[in-house]
Amino acid sequence: MKKVLLTLGVALLTAVGAQAQIGYGVKAGLNFPKLNYSGGNVSYTTSAATNFYLSGYASIPAATNFAIQPGVSLQGKGGKVEVGNLTTTRNLMSIEIPVNAVYYIPTGATGSVFVAAGPYVGFNVSGKDKAGDVKKDIKFGSKDDQLKVVDYGLNFQLGYKLSNGLLINGGYGLGLGNMSNVDALKIKNNVFSVGIGFEI
């Protein structure tokens, strides 16, 4: 039975791969991330920092004008707090695995408007706090003075794909995972982004 199921699975994947014209793309641009801190009845959102992102993905046609796009993305996140003349910046670097559902709205021969949404899971790999000239590495783990390694949330995108494959897009990442190990404190990511890309 297992062999039969395996054979059917391989045949199905082969048929889908033969008929679906899978595309591949890259995107890069600027992130404007914020961090939201909350605990009890108090909530505070930092100012936006400036960071970057770089993504690669596959575009798998699922229906007319509709595709599923799994990918891998290097995402710079964090936030900025300004008190008097002192600016404190928290920079976080995360490797994310998003899976977006993308719908295209054709606009003639020039290209298509697209809207996209989907979940992501991220893995924090490095971080640094900077206050003036003082820098401190952020540690990740399960202790109270560390941030959690795993993060997750939802992506939303709006953009335009030209007929030559060039992409112009903006997006928003809504962090749903709490990165704090302290029970009374929640820390979540929020990221606006703009960028360009190319898909073949």
N, C-alpha and C. Protein backbone atom coordinates (compact mmCIF):
# COMPACT_ATOMS: atom_id res chain seq x y z
N MET A 1 0.83 -1.20 0.00
CA MET A 1 0.00 0.00 0.00
C MET A 1 0.87 1.26 0.00
N LYS A 2 1.92 1.23 0.81
CA LYS A 2 2.82 2.38 0.88
C LYS A 2 3.45 2.65 -0.48
N LYS A 3 3.83 1.57 -1.18
CA LYS A 3 4.44 1.73 -2.50
C LYS A 3 3.46 2.33 -3.49
N VAL A 4 2.20 1.91 -3.39
CA VAL A 4 1.17 2.45 -4.28
C VAL A 4 0.98 3.94 -4.04
N LEU A 5 0.87 4.32 -2.76
CA LEU A 5 0.69 5.73 -2.42
C LEU A 5 1.89 6.56 -2.85
N LEU A 6 3.08 6.02 -2.65
CA LEU A 6 4.29 6.73 -3.04
C LEU A 6 4.33 6.92 -4.55
N THR A 7 3.96 5.87 -5.30
CA THR A 7 3.94 5.95 -6.76
C THR A 7 2.94 6.99 -7.24
N LEU A 8 1.74 6.99 -6.61
CA LEU A 8 0.72 7.98 -6.98
C LEU A 8 1.18 9.39 -6.66
N GLY A 9 1.85 9.55 -5.51
CA GLY A 9 2.35 10.87 -5.13
C GLY A 9 3.38 11.39 -6.10
N VAL A 10 4.32 10.54 -6.49
CA VAL A 10 5.35 10.93 -7.45
C VAL A 10 4.72 11.26 -8.80
N ALA A 11 3.75 10.44 -9.23
CA ALA A 11 3.08 10.70 -10.51
C ALA A 11 2.34 12.03 -10.49
N LEU A 12 1.67 12.33 -9.36
CA LEU A 12 0.94 13.58 -9.24
C LEU A 12 1.88 14.77 -9.29
N LEU A 13 2.97 14.70 -8.54
CA LEU A 13 3.95 15.79 -8.53
C LEU A 13 4.57 15.98 -9.90
N THR A 14 4.83 14.88 -10.59
CA THR A 14 5.41 14.96 -11.93
C THR A 14 4.44 15.63 -12.90
N ALA A 15 3.16 15.27 -12.79
CA ALA A 15 2.15 15.86 -13.67
C ALA A 15 1.98 17.34 -13.41
N VAL A 16 1.95 17.71 -12.12
CA VAL A 16 1.81 19.12 -11.76
C VAL A 16 3.02 19.91 -12.24
N GLY A 17 4.20 19.33 -12.02
CA GLY A 17 5.42 20.01 -12.44
C GLY A 17 5.51 20.17 -13.95
N ALA A 18 4.96 19.20 -14.67
CA ALA A 18 5.03 19.27 -16.13
C ALA A 18 4.09 20.33 -16.69
N GLN A 19 2.92 20.52 -16.04
CA GLN A 19 1.94 21.45 -16.56
C GLN A 19 2.09 22.85 -15.99
N ALA A 20 2.51 22.95 -14.74
CA ALA A 20 2.63 24.27 -14.10
C ALA A 20 3.96 24.91 -14.47
N GLN A 21 3.89 26.12 -14.94
CA GLN A 21 5.10 26.86 -15.27
C GLN A 21 5.57 27.58 -14.02
N ILE A 22 6.37 26.90 -13.24
CA ILE A 22 6.84 27.46 -11.97
C ILE A 22 7.82 28.59 -12.25
N GLY A 23 7.59 29.73 -11.62
CA GLY A 23 8.48 30.87 -11.76
C GLY A 23 9.36 31.01 -10.53
N TYR A 24 10.42 31.79 -10.68
CA TYR A 24 11.34 32.03 -9.57
C TYR A 24 11.65 33.52 -9.53
N GLY A 25 11.75 34.05 -8.32
CA GLY A 25 11.98 35.48 -8.21
C GLY A 25 12.83 35.86 -7.02
N VAL A 26 13.32 37.09 -7.07
CA VAL A 26 14.07 37.67 -5.96
C VAL A 26 13.50 39.06 -5.69
N LYS A 27 13.54 39.46 -4.43
CA LYS A 27 13.10 40.79 -4.02
C LYS A 27 14.10 41.35 -3.02
N ALA A 28 14.27 42.65 -3.04
CA ALA A 28 15.15 43.32 -2.08
C ALA A 28 14.63 44.72 -1.85
N GLY A 29 14.91 45.25 -0.68
CA GLY A 29 14.45 46.61 -0.41
C GLY A 29 14.71 47.03 1.01
N LEU A 30 14.00 48.06 1.43
CA LEU A 30 14.16 48.65 2.74
C LEU A 30 13.03 48.23 3.67
N ASN A 31 13.40 47.94 4.91
CA ASN A 31 12.44 47.70 5.98
C ASN A 31 12.41 48.91 6.90
N PHE A 32 11.22 49.21 7.42
CA PHE A 32 11.06 50.26 8.43
C PHE A 32 10.36 49.62 9.63
N PRO A 33 11.14 48.89 10.44
CA PRO A 33 10.56 48.08 11.50
C PRO A 33 10.31 48.86 12.79
N LYS A 34 9.31 48.40 13.52
CA LYS A 34 9.01 48.89 14.86
C LYS A 34 8.85 47.69 15.80
N LEU A 35 9.04 47.94 17.08
CA LEU A 35 8.80 46.92 18.10
C LEU A 35 7.69 47.40 19.01
N ASN A 36 6.77 46.51 19.33
CA ASN A 36 5.70 46.83 20.26
C ASN A 36 5.94 46.10 21.57
N TYR A 37 6.02 46.87 22.65
CA TYR A 37 6.20 46.32 23.99
C TYR A 37 4.88 46.50 24.74
N SER A 38 4.42 45.46 25.42
CA SER A 38 3.19 45.57 26.19
C SER A 38 3.26 44.67 27.42
N GLY A 39 2.62 45.15 28.46
CA GLY A 39 2.56 44.39 29.71
C GLY A 39 1.54 45.03 30.63
N GLY A 40 0.68 44.22 31.23
CA GLY A 40 -0.38 44.79 32.04
C GLY A 40 -1.31 45.62 31.17
N ASN A 41 -1.51 46.87 31.55
CA ASN A 41 -2.35 47.77 30.77
C ASN A 41 -1.53 48.80 30.02
N VAL A 42 -0.22 48.57 29.91
CA VAL A 42 0.68 49.53 29.28
C VAL A 42 1.18 48.96 27.96
N SER A 43 1.20 49.81 26.94
CA SER A 43 1.71 49.40 25.63
C SER A 43 2.54 50.54 25.05
N TYR A 44 3.66 50.18 24.44
CA TYR A 44 4.53 51.19 23.85
C TYR A 44 5.08 50.67 22.52
N THR A 45 5.03 51.50 21.48
CA THR A 45 5.59 51.14 20.17
C THR A 45 6.74 52.08 19.86
N THR A 46 7.87 51.53 19.49
CA THR A 46 9.04 52.33 19.18
C THR A 46 8.86 53.10 17.88
N SER A 47 9.78 54.02 17.63
CA SER A 47 9.85 54.66 16.32
C SER A 47 10.41 53.65 15.32
N ALA A 48 10.25 53.94 14.04
CA ALA A 48 10.74 53.03 13.00
C ALA A 48 12.24 53.17 12.84
N ALA A 49 12.93 52.05 12.81
CA ALA A 49 14.34 52.01 12.45
C ALA A 49 14.42 51.84 10.93
N THR A 50 15.62 51.76 10.40
CA THR A 50 15.81 51.50 8.97
C THR A 50 16.68 50.26 8.82
N ASN A 51 16.20 49.30 8.04
CA ASN A 51 16.94 48.05 7.84
C ASN A 51 16.70 47.59 6.40
N PHE A 52 16.97 46.34 6.11
CA PHE A 52 16.84 45.85 4.74
C PHE A 52 16.25 44.44 4.74
N TYR A 53 15.85 44.00 3.54
CA TYR A 53 15.44 42.60 3.38
C TYR A 53 15.92 42.09 2.02
N LEU A 54 16.08 40.77 1.93
CA LEU A 54 16.45 40.09 0.70
C LEU A 54 15.72 38.77 0.67
N SER A 55 14.95 38.53 -0.39
CA SER A 55 14.10 37.34 -0.45
C SER A 55 14.25 36.60 -1.78
N GLY A 56 14.12 35.30 -1.72
CA GLY A 56 14.02 34.46 -2.89
C GLY A 56 12.80 33.57 -2.76
N TYR A 57 12.12 33.29 -3.88
CA TYR A 57 10.89 32.53 -3.78
C TYR A 57 10.60 31.79 -5.08
N ALA A 58 9.70 30.82 -4.98
CA ALA A 58 9.16 30.12 -6.14
C ALA A 58 7.71 30.53 -6.28
N SER A 59 7.24 30.69 -7.53
CA SER A 59 5.85 31.05 -7.78
C SER A 59 5.17 29.88 -8.48
N ILE A 60 4.26 29.24 -7.77
CA ILE A 60 3.60 28.03 -8.28
C ILE A 60 2.17 28.35 -8.67
N PRO A 61 1.84 28.32 -9.97
CA PRO A 61 0.46 28.61 -10.39
C PRO A 61 -0.53 27.62 -9.78
N ALA A 62 -1.62 28.16 -9.22
CA ALA A 62 -2.63 27.29 -8.61
C ALA A 62 -3.98 27.42 -9.31
N ALA A 63 -4.22 28.55 -9.98
CA ALA A 63 -5.46 28.79 -10.73
C ALA A 63 -5.21 30.01 -11.61
N THR A 64 -6.19 30.40 -12.38
CA THR A 64 -6.05 31.57 -13.23
C THR A 64 -5.78 32.81 -12.38
N ASN A 65 -4.68 33.50 -12.68
CA ASN A 65 -4.29 34.72 -11.97
C ASN A 65 -4.03 34.50 -10.48
N PHE A 66 -3.72 33.27 -10.09
CA PHE A 66 -3.52 32.96 -8.68
C PHE A 66 -2.31 32.04 -8.54
N ALA A 67 -1.45 32.34 -7.53
CA ALA A 67 -0.25 31.53 -7.32
C ALA A 67 0.06 31.41 -5.83
N ILE A 68 0.78 30.35 -5.50
CA ILE A 68 1.32 30.15 -4.16
C ILE A 68 2.82 30.37 -4.23
N GLN A 69 3.34 31.19 -3.31
CA GLN A 69 4.76 31.55 -3.35
C GLN A 69 5.46 31.25 -2.03
N PRO A 70 6.06 30.06 -1.91
CA PRO A 70 6.92 29.79 -0.75
C PRO A 70 8.30 30.39 -1.00
N GLY A 71 9.00 30.74 0.07
CA GLY A 71 10.30 31.36 -0.12
C GLY A 71 11.16 31.33 1.13
N VAL A 72 12.31 31.98 1.01
CA VAL A 72 13.23 32.17 2.13
C VAL A 72 13.66 33.63 2.10
N SER A 73 13.69 34.26 3.27
CA SER A 73 13.94 35.69 3.31
C SER A 73 14.86 36.06 4.47
N LEU A 74 15.82 36.93 4.21
CA LEU A 74 16.65 37.52 5.25
C LEU A 74 16.03 38.86 5.60
N GLN A 75 15.58 39.01 6.84
CA GLN A 75 14.82 40.19 7.24
C GLN A 75 15.51 40.94 8.37
N GLY A 76 15.76 42.22 8.14
CA GLY A 76 16.28 43.08 9.19
C GLY A 76 15.12 43.77 9.90
N LYS A 77 15.07 43.61 11.22
CA LYS A 77 13.96 44.16 12.00
C LYS A 77 14.50 44.98 13.16
N GLY A 78 13.63 45.37 14.09
CA GLY A 78 14.06 46.12 15.24
C GLY A 78 13.20 47.34 15.50
N GLY A 79 13.81 48.37 16.08
CA GLY A 79 13.09 49.59 16.40
C GLY A 79 14.04 50.64 16.95
N LYS A 80 13.52 51.84 17.16
CA LYS A 80 14.36 52.95 17.61
C LYS A 80 13.62 53.77 18.66
N VAL A 81 14.35 54.15 19.73
CA VAL A 81 13.78 54.98 20.80
C VAL A 81 14.67 56.20 20.97
N GLU A 82 14.06 57.37 20.96
CA GLU A 82 14.80 58.63 21.12
C GLU A 82 14.35 59.32 22.40
N VAL A 83 15.29 59.50 23.31
CA VAL A 83 15.03 60.19 24.58
C VAL A 83 16.05 61.32 24.70
N GLY A 84 15.59 62.55 24.57
CA GLY A 84 16.50 63.68 24.57
C GLY A 84 17.46 63.59 23.39
N ASN A 85 18.74 63.66 23.68
CA ASN A 85 19.76 63.56 22.64
C ASN A 85 20.27 62.13 22.44
N LEU A 86 19.72 61.19 23.20
CA LEU A 86 20.18 59.80 23.12
C LEU A 86 19.24 58.96 22.27
N THR A 87 19.78 58.31 21.26
CA THR A 87 19.01 57.40 20.41
C THR A 87 19.45 55.96 20.67
N THR A 88 18.50 55.14 21.02
CA THR A 88 18.78 53.72 21.24
C THR A 88 18.13 52.92 20.12
N THR A 89 18.93 52.13 19.43
CA THR A 89 18.44 51.35 18.30
C THR A 89 18.63 49.86 18.56
N ARG A 90 17.59 49.09 18.29
CA ARG A 90 17.68 47.63 18.38
C ARG A 90 17.56 47.06 16.98
N ASN A 91 18.61 46.38 16.53
CA ASN A 91 18.63 45.73 15.21
C ASN A 91 18.55 44.22 15.38
N LEU A 92 17.62 43.61 14.69
CA LEU A 92 17.46 42.16 14.72
C LEU A 92 17.57 41.62 13.30
N MET A 93 18.19 40.47 13.15
CA MET A 93 18.28 39.82 11.85
C MET A 93 17.62 38.45 11.95
N SER A 94 16.70 38.19 11.04
CA SER A 94 15.91 36.97 11.08
C SER A 94 15.89 36.29 9.72
N ILE A 95 15.91 34.97 9.73
CA ILE A 95 15.70 34.19 8.51
C ILE A 95 14.26 33.69 8.55
N GLU A 96 13.48 34.13 7.57
CA GLU A 96 12.06 33.79 7.55
C GLU A 96 11.71 32.84 6.41
N ILE A 97 10.68 32.05 6.65
CA ILE A 97 10.13 31.16 5.63
C ILE A 97 8.67 31.56 5.44
N PRO A 98 8.38 32.40 4.44
CA PRO A 98 6.99 32.79 4.18
C PRO A 98 6.33 31.88 3.14
N VAL A 99 5.01 31.79 3.21
CA VAL A 99 4.22 31.13 2.18
C VAL A 99 3.05 32.06 1.87
N ASN A 100 3.13 32.74 0.73
CA ASN A 100 2.12 33.73 0.38
C ASN A 100 1.19 33.25 -0.72
N ALA A 101 -0.08 33.60 -0.59
CA ALA A 101 -1.05 33.41 -1.66
C ALA A 101 -1.14 34.73 -2.43
N VAL A 102 -0.95 34.68 -3.75
CA VAL A 102 -0.86 35.89 -4.56
C VAL A 102 -1.95 35.89 -5.63
N TYR A 103 -2.66 37.03 -5.72
CA TYR A 103 -3.69 37.17 -6.75
C TYR A 103 -3.29 38.32 -7.67
N TYR A 104 -3.33 38.07 -8.98
CA TYR A 104 -2.94 39.06 -9.98
C TYR A 104 -4.17 39.66 -10.65
N ILE A 105 -4.15 40.97 -10.82
CA ILE A 105 -5.22 41.68 -11.51
C ILE A 105 -4.62 42.27 -12.79
N PRO A 106 -4.83 41.65 -13.94
CA PRO A 106 -4.22 42.14 -15.19
C PRO A 106 -4.64 43.57 -15.52
N THR A 107 -3.68 44.34 -16.03
CA THR A 107 -3.94 45.74 -16.41
C THR A 107 -3.59 45.97 -17.87
N GLY A 108 -3.68 44.93 -18.67
CA GLY A 108 -3.35 45.05 -20.08
C GLY A 108 -1.98 44.48 -20.37
N ALA A 109 -1.38 44.96 -21.44
CA ALA A 109 -0.09 44.41 -21.89
C ALA A 109 1.07 44.81 -21.00
N THR A 110 0.89 45.83 -20.18
CA THR A 110 2.02 46.33 -19.38
C THR A 110 2.32 45.46 -18.17
N GLY A 111 1.32 44.79 -17.62
CA GLY A 111 1.57 43.97 -16.46
C GLY A 111 0.33 43.74 -15.62
N SER A 112 0.55 43.49 -14.31
CA SER A 112 -0.56 43.17 -13.40
C SER A 112 -0.31 43.77 -12.02
N VAL A 113 -1.39 44.24 -11.43
CA VAL A 113 -1.37 44.57 -10.00
C VAL A 113 -1.47 43.25 -9.24
N PHE A 114 -0.76 43.13 -8.11
CA PHE A 114 -0.91 41.92 -7.32
C PHE A 114 -1.10 42.25 -5.85
N VAL A 115 -1.88 41.40 -5.20
CA VAL A 115 -2.06 41.47 -3.75
C VAL A 115 -1.70 40.10 -3.20
N ALA A 116 -1.08 40.10 -2.02
CA ALA A 116 -0.60 38.84 -1.46
C ALA A 116 -0.74 38.86 0.05
N ALA A 117 -0.91 37.67 0.60
CA ALA A 117 -0.99 37.52 2.05
C ALA A 117 -0.63 36.09 2.40
N GLY A 118 -0.10 35.91 3.60
CA GLY A 118 0.24 34.57 4.03
C GLY A 118 1.04 34.57 5.32
N PRO A 119 1.22 33.41 5.91
CA PRO A 119 1.95 33.30 7.16
C PRO A 119 3.46 33.20 6.94
N TYR A 120 4.20 33.46 8.00
CA TYR A 120 5.65 33.22 7.98
C TYR A 120 6.09 32.71 9.34
N VAL A 121 7.17 31.97 9.34
CA VAL A 121 7.86 31.61 10.57
C VAL A 121 9.29 32.10 10.43
N GLY A 122 9.80 32.71 11.49
CA GLY A 122 11.14 33.30 11.43
C GLY A 122 12.04 32.74 12.52
N PHE A 123 13.34 32.81 12.26
CA PHE A 123 14.34 32.34 13.22
C PHE A 123 15.36 33.47 13.43
N ASN A 124 15.35 34.06 14.61
CA ASN A 124 16.27 35.14 14.92
C ASN A 124 17.69 34.60 15.00
N VAL A 125 18.60 35.19 14.23
CA VAL A 125 19.97 34.67 14.16
C VAL A 125 21.00 35.64 14.74
N SER A 126 20.68 36.93 14.81
CA SER A 126 21.62 37.88 15.40
C SER A 126 20.89 39.15 15.78
N GLY A 127 21.50 39.93 16.66
CA GLY A 127 20.89 41.18 17.08
C GLY A 127 21.88 42.02 17.85
N LYS A 128 21.62 43.32 17.84
CA LYS A 128 22.51 44.24 18.54
C LYS A 128 21.73 45.46 19.01
N ASP A 129 21.98 45.87 20.26
CA ASP A 129 21.46 47.12 20.78
C ASP A 129 22.56 48.16 20.72
N LYS A 130 22.20 49.38 20.30
CA LYS A 130 23.16 50.46 20.23
C LYS A 130 22.56 51.70 20.88
N ALA A 131 23.23 52.20 21.92
CA ALA A 131 22.82 53.42 22.61
C ALA A 131 23.99 54.39 22.55
N GLY A 132 23.88 55.39 21.68
CA GLY A 132 25.02 56.28 21.46
C GLY A 132 26.16 55.51 20.84
N ASP A 133 27.31 55.52 21.53
CA ASP A 133 28.47 54.78 21.03
C ASP A 133 28.61 53.41 21.67
N VAL A 134 27.67 53.04 22.53
CA VAL A 134 27.74 51.77 23.25
C VAL A 134 26.93 50.71 22.50
N LYS A 135 27.57 49.57 22.22
CA LYS A 135 26.92 48.48 21.51
C LYS A 135 26.91 47.22 22.38
N LYS A 136 25.82 46.46 22.26
CA LYS A 136 25.70 45.22 23.03
C LYS A 136 24.99 44.17 22.20
N ASP A 137 25.57 42.98 22.12
CA ASP A 137 24.95 41.89 21.37
C ASP A 137 23.71 41.38 22.09
N ILE A 138 22.69 41.07 21.33
CA ILE A 138 21.48 40.47 21.88
C ILE A 138 21.63 38.96 21.85
N LYS A 139 21.25 38.32 22.94
CA LYS A 139 21.33 36.87 23.03
C LYS A 139 19.93 36.27 22.85
N PHE A 140 19.91 35.08 22.26
CA PHE A 140 18.65 34.39 22.00
C PHE A 140 18.63 33.05 22.71
N GLY A 141 17.49 32.74 23.29
CA GLY A 141 17.35 31.49 24.03
C GLY A 141 16.07 31.50 24.84
N SER A 142 16.10 30.83 25.99
CA SER A 142 14.90 30.70 26.81
C SER A 142 15.00 31.40 28.16
N LYS A 143 16.10 32.12 28.40
CA LYS A 143 16.28 32.82 29.67
C LYS A 143 15.57 34.17 29.63
N ASP A 144 15.31 34.71 30.83
CA ASP A 144 14.58 35.97 30.93
C ASP A 144 15.30 37.13 30.26
N ASP A 145 16.63 37.10 30.25
CA ASP A 145 17.39 38.20 29.64
C ASP A 145 17.72 37.94 28.17
N GLN A 146 17.07 36.96 27.58
CA GLN A 146 17.26 36.64 26.18
C GLN A 146 15.94 36.78 25.42
N LEU A 147 16.03 36.89 24.09
CA LEU A 147 14.84 36.87 23.24
C LEU A 147 14.66 35.48 22.65
N LYS A 148 13.44 35.13 22.36
CA LYS A 148 13.16 33.82 21.77
C LYS A 148 13.74 33.73 20.36
N VAL A 149 14.13 32.54 19.99
CA VAL A 149 14.69 32.31 18.65
C VAL A 149 13.59 32.34 17.59
N VAL A 150 12.46 31.72 17.89
CA VAL A 150 11.40 31.55 16.88
C VAL A 150 10.39 32.69 16.96
N ASP A 151 10.04 33.21 15.79
CA ASP A 151 9.03 34.25 15.66
C ASP A 151 8.06 33.81 14.55
N TYR A 152 6.86 34.37 14.53
CA TYR A 152 5.92 34.05 13.46
C TYR A 152 4.92 35.18 13.31
N GLY A 153 4.24 35.20 12.17
CA GLY A 153 3.27 36.26 11.93
C GLY A 153 2.64 36.14 10.56
N LEU A 154 2.13 37.27 10.06
CA LEU A 154 1.44 37.32 8.77
C LEU A 154 2.07 38.40 7.89
N ASN A 155 2.15 38.10 6.60
CA ASN A 155 2.64 39.06 5.61
C ASN A 155 1.49 39.57 4.75
N PHE A 156 1.56 40.85 4.38
CA PHE A 156 0.61 41.44 3.43
C PHE A 156 1.41 42.25 2.42
N GLN A 157 1.09 42.11 1.14
CA GLN A 157 1.84 42.80 0.09
C GLN A 157 0.90 43.39 -0.97
N LEU A 158 1.33 44.48 -1.55
CA LEU A 158 0.65 45.11 -2.67
C LEU A 158 1.71 45.60 -3.63
N GLY A 159 1.54 45.30 -4.92
CA GLY A 159 2.57 45.72 -5.85
C GLY A 159 2.14 45.64 -7.30
N TYR A 160 3.12 45.83 -8.15
CA TYR A 160 2.87 45.79 -9.60
C TYR A 160 3.96 44.96 -10.26
N LYS A 161 3.53 44.02 -11.08
CA LYS A 161 4.46 43.18 -11.83
C LYS A 161 4.38 43.57 -13.30
N LEU A 162 5.48 44.08 -13.83
CA LEU A 162 5.54 44.45 -15.24
C LEU A 162 5.67 43.20 -16.11
N SER A 163 5.29 43.31 -17.35
CA SER A 163 5.31 42.17 -18.26
C SER A 163 6.72 41.62 -18.49
N ASN A 164 7.77 42.43 -18.24
CA ASN A 164 9.14 41.96 -18.39
C ASN A 164 9.67 41.28 -17.13
N GLY A 165 8.82 41.16 -16.08
CA GLY A 165 9.22 40.47 -14.87
C GLY A 165 9.64 41.37 -13.73
N LEU A 166 9.80 42.66 -13.98
CA LEU A 166 10.19 43.59 -12.93
C LEU A 166 9.04 43.78 -11.95
N LEU A 167 9.39 43.82 -10.65
CA LEU A 167 8.39 43.96 -9.60
C LEU A 167 8.64 45.24 -8.80
N ILE A 168 7.56 45.90 -8.44
CA ILE A 168 7.61 47.03 -7.51
C ILE A 168 6.58 46.73 -6.43
N ASN A 169 6.99 46.72 -5.19
CA ASN A 169 6.05 46.28 -4.16
C ASN A 169 6.28 46.96 -2.81
N GLY A 170 5.20 46.98 -2.03
CA GLY A 170 5.25 47.41 -0.64
C GLY A 170 4.60 46.33 0.20
N GLY A 171 4.95 46.31 1.49
CA GLY A 171 4.40 45.26 2.31
C GLY A 171 4.35 45.62 3.78
N TYR A 172 3.69 44.76 4.53
CA TYR A 172 3.59 44.92 5.98
C TYR A 172 3.68 43.54 6.62
N GLY A 173 4.56 43.41 7.60
CA GLY A 173 4.68 42.17 8.36
C GLY A 173 4.14 42.36 9.76
N LEU A 174 3.10 41.62 10.09
CA LEU A 174 2.46 41.70 11.40
C LEU A 174 2.97 40.57 12.27
N GLY A 175 3.82 40.91 13.23
CA GLY A 175 4.35 39.89 14.13
C GLY A 175 3.30 39.43 15.13
N LEU A 176 3.09 38.14 15.21
CA LEU A 176 2.13 37.57 16.16
C LEU A 176 2.82 36.85 17.30
N GLY A 177 4.07 36.45 17.09
CA GLY A 177 4.80 35.74 18.12
C GLY A 177 5.37 36.68 19.16
N ASN A 178 5.33 36.28 20.41
CA ASN A 178 5.92 37.04 21.50
C ASN A 178 7.38 36.63 21.65
N MET A 179 8.30 37.58 21.47
CA MET A 179 9.72 37.27 21.54
C MET A 179 10.29 37.33 22.96
N SER A 180 9.47 37.75 23.93
CA SER A 180 9.93 37.88 25.30
C SER A 180 9.77 36.56 26.06
N ASN A 181 10.73 36.25 26.92
CA ASN A 181 10.64 35.09 27.81
C ASN A 181 10.09 35.45 29.18
N VAL A 182 9.79 36.73 29.39
CA VAL A 182 9.23 37.19 30.66
C VAL A 182 7.71 37.15 30.57
N ASP A 183 7.06 36.48 31.51
CA ASP A 183 5.61 36.27 31.44
C ASP A 183 4.83 37.57 31.37
N ALA A 184 5.29 38.61 32.06
CA ALA A 184 4.53 39.85 32.14
C ALA A 184 4.82 40.81 30.99
N LEU A 185 5.68 40.42 30.07
CA LEU A 185 6.08 41.31 28.98
C LEU A 185 5.90 40.63 27.63
N LYS A 186 5.36 41.38 26.67
CA LYS A 186 5.25 40.91 25.30
C LYS A 186 6.03 41.84 24.38
N ILE A 187 6.80 41.26 23.46
CA ILE A 187 7.55 42.02 22.46
C ILE A 187 7.21 41.45 21.09
N LYS A 188 6.68 42.31 20.20
CA LYS A 188 6.29 41.83 18.88
C LYS A 188 6.83 42.75 17.79
N ASN A 189 7.08 42.16 16.62
CA ASN A 189 7.58 42.90 15.46
C ASN A 189 6.45 43.46 14.62
N ASN A 190 6.68 44.65 14.05
CA ASN A 190 5.81 45.23 13.02
C ASN A 190 6.72 45.87 11.98
N VAL A 191 6.56 45.48 10.72
CA VAL A 191 7.51 45.93 9.70
C VAL A 191 6.80 46.42 8.44
N PHE A 192 7.04 47.68 8.07
CA PHE A 192 6.66 48.19 6.76
C PHE A 192 7.85 48.02 5.83
N SER A 193 7.61 47.73 4.56
CA SER A 193 8.71 47.53 3.64
C SER A 193 8.36 48.06 2.24
N VAL A 194 9.38 48.46 1.51
CA VAL A 194 9.24 48.82 0.10
C VAL A 194 10.42 48.21 -0.64
N GLY A 195 10.20 47.83 -1.90
CA GLY A 195 11.31 47.22 -2.62
C GLY A 195 11.00 46.96 -4.08
N ILE A 196 11.99 46.36 -4.71
CA ILE A 196 11.86 45.98 -6.11
C ILE A 196 12.30 44.52 -6.23
N GLY A 197 12.03 43.92 -7.37
CA GLY A 197 12.42 42.54 -7.58
C GLY A 197 12.31 42.16 -9.04
N PHE A 198 12.56 40.89 -9.29
CA PHE A 198 12.48 40.38 -10.65
C PHE A 198 12.05 38.92 -10.60
N GLU A 199 11.13 38.54 -11.49
CA GLU A 199 10.62 37.18 -11.54
C GLU A 199 10.72 36.63 -12.95
N ILE A 200 11.16 35.39 -13.05
CA ILE A 200 11.24 34.72 -14.34
C ILE A 200 10.33 33.50 -14.36
